[in-house]
């Protein structure tokens, strides 16, 4: 809510709807799998997975509350996976 001094009429601004655009979002994940066939129908699968492969930060939307002058228009957080995560694993099926 906007604080308008007493004696002033309440009014709407001339700003269009949703005039503030946030930064874009992009993310690249990668998974590599290798299946090794073994005797008697068993298998060994080796896995490597990387989330946020290029370690790119995805910033949140800017503050849209005009009553908070300290945060309005400023980006104060990141969204998504965060830093790069790498997982290594093996799966044995028999």
Protein backbone atom coordinates (compact mmCIF):
# COMPACT_ATOMS: atom_id res chain seq x y z
CA UNK A 1 0.00 0.00 0.00
CA UNK A 2 1.26 3.45 -0.86
CA UNK A 3 1.22 6.15 1.81
CA UNK A 4 -0.32 9.33 0.38
CA UNK A 5 -0.22 12.37 2.67
CA UNK A 6 -3.50 13.40 4.28
CA UNK A 7 -5.50 15.92 2.30
CA UNK A 8 -4.29 14.46 -1.00
CA UNK A 9 -6.83 12.45 -3.02
CA UNK A 10 -6.20 8.73 -3.55
CA UNK A 11 -5.31 8.15 -7.19
CA UNK A 12 -4.15 5.53 -9.62
CA UNK A 13 -0.89 5.96 -11.49
CA UNK A 14 -0.36 5.86 -15.24
CA UNK A 15 1.86 2.80 -15.22
CA UNK A 16 0.69 -0.10 -17.40
CA UNK A 17 0.09 -3.56 -15.96
CA UNK A 18 3.26 -5.57 -15.21
CA UNK A 19 5.78 -2.93 -16.36
CA UNK A 20 8.76 -4.52 -14.58
CA UNK A 21 10.46 -7.43 -16.31
CA UNK A 22 12.84 -9.77 -14.56
CA UNK A 23 15.96 -11.37 -15.96
CA UNK A 24 15.74 -14.48 -18.12
CA UNK A 25 16.20 -18.03 -16.87
CA UNK A 26 18.31 -20.72 -18.49
CA UNK A 27 19.80 -23.92 -17.22
CA UNK A 28 21.76 -26.79 -18.80
CA UNK A 29 21.81 -30.26 -17.25
CA UNK A 30 23.91 -33.15 -18.57
CA UNK A 31 23.75 -36.88 -17.93
CA UNK A 32 26.14 -39.52 -19.25
CA UNK A 33 25.42 -43.24 -18.87
CA UNK A 34 27.47 -46.27 -19.88
CA UNK A 35 25.98 -49.77 -19.64
CA UNK A 36 28.39 -52.70 -19.45
CA UNK A 37 26.83 -56.10 -20.12
CA UNK A 38 28.21 -58.88 -17.93
CA UNK A 39 27.84 -62.70 -17.92
CA UNK A 40 24.51 -64.37 -16.99
CA UNK A 41 22.40 -61.37 -18.07
CA UNK A 42 23.66 -58.93 -15.41
CA UNK A 43 24.52 -55.33 -16.17
CA UNK A 44 26.65 -52.61 -14.65
CA UNK A 45 25.61 -49.03 -15.42
CA UNK A 46 28.01 -46.15 -14.70
CA UNK A 47 26.46 -42.68 -14.39
CA UNK A 48 27.67 -39.09 -14.26
CA UNK A 49 25.11 -36.30 -13.95
CA UNK A 50 25.77 -32.56 -13.80
CA UNK A 51 23.07 -30.06 -12.80
CA UNK A 52 23.63 -26.42 -13.84
CA UNK A 53 26.57 -27.55 -15.95
CA UNK A 54 27.86 -24.05 -16.79
CA UNK A 55 27.38 -22.76 -13.22
CA UNK A 56 25.22 -19.87 -14.48
CA UNK A 57 23.36 -17.84 -11.82
CA UNK A 58 19.64 -17.27 -12.40
CA UNK A 59 18.53 -14.10 -10.67
CA UNK A 60 15.06 -13.58 -9.21
CA UNK A 61 12.64 -10.82 -10.08
CA UNK A 62 13.28 -7.27 -8.86
CA UNK A 63 11.33 -5.99 -5.87
CA UNK A 64 7.92 -4.71 -6.96
CA UNK A 65 6.62 -3.18 -3.70
CA UNK A 66 6.83 0.59 -4.19
CA UNK A 67 6.25 1.14 -0.47
CA UNK A 68 9.66 -0.37 0.27
CA UNK A 69 12.06 2.14 -1.24
CA UNK A 70 15.11 0.13 -0.14
CA UNK A 71 14.12 -2.94 -2.19
CA UNK A 72 12.01 -1.55 -5.05
CA UNK A 73 13.66 -2.38 -8.38
CA UNK A 74 16.55 -4.29 -6.79
CA UNK A 75 17.26 -7.99 -7.32
CA UNK A 76 18.06 -9.61 -3.98
CA UNK A 77 17.98 -13.37 -4.63
CA UNK A 78 18.73 -16.20 -7.03
CA UNK A 79 16.36 -18.98 -8.07
CA UNK A 80 16.71 -22.52 -9.39
CA UNK A 81 19.28 -25.20 -8.66
CA UNK A 82 22.02 -22.87 -7.45
CA UNK A 83 25.64 -23.84 -7.88
CA UNK A 84 26.81 -26.70 -10.10
CA UNK A 85 26.05 -30.16 -8.69
CA UNK A 86 27.80 -33.30 -9.97
CA UNK A 87 26.63 -36.80 -9.11
CA UNK A 88 28.55 -39.99 -9.81
CA UNK A 89 26.93 -43.38 -9.41
CA UNK A 90 26.87 -47.02 -10.38
CA UNK A 91 23.96 -49.44 -10.73
CA UNK A 92 24.27 -53.20 -10.84
CA UNK A 93 21.30 -55.18 -12.17
CA UNK A 94 21.08 -58.95 -12.03
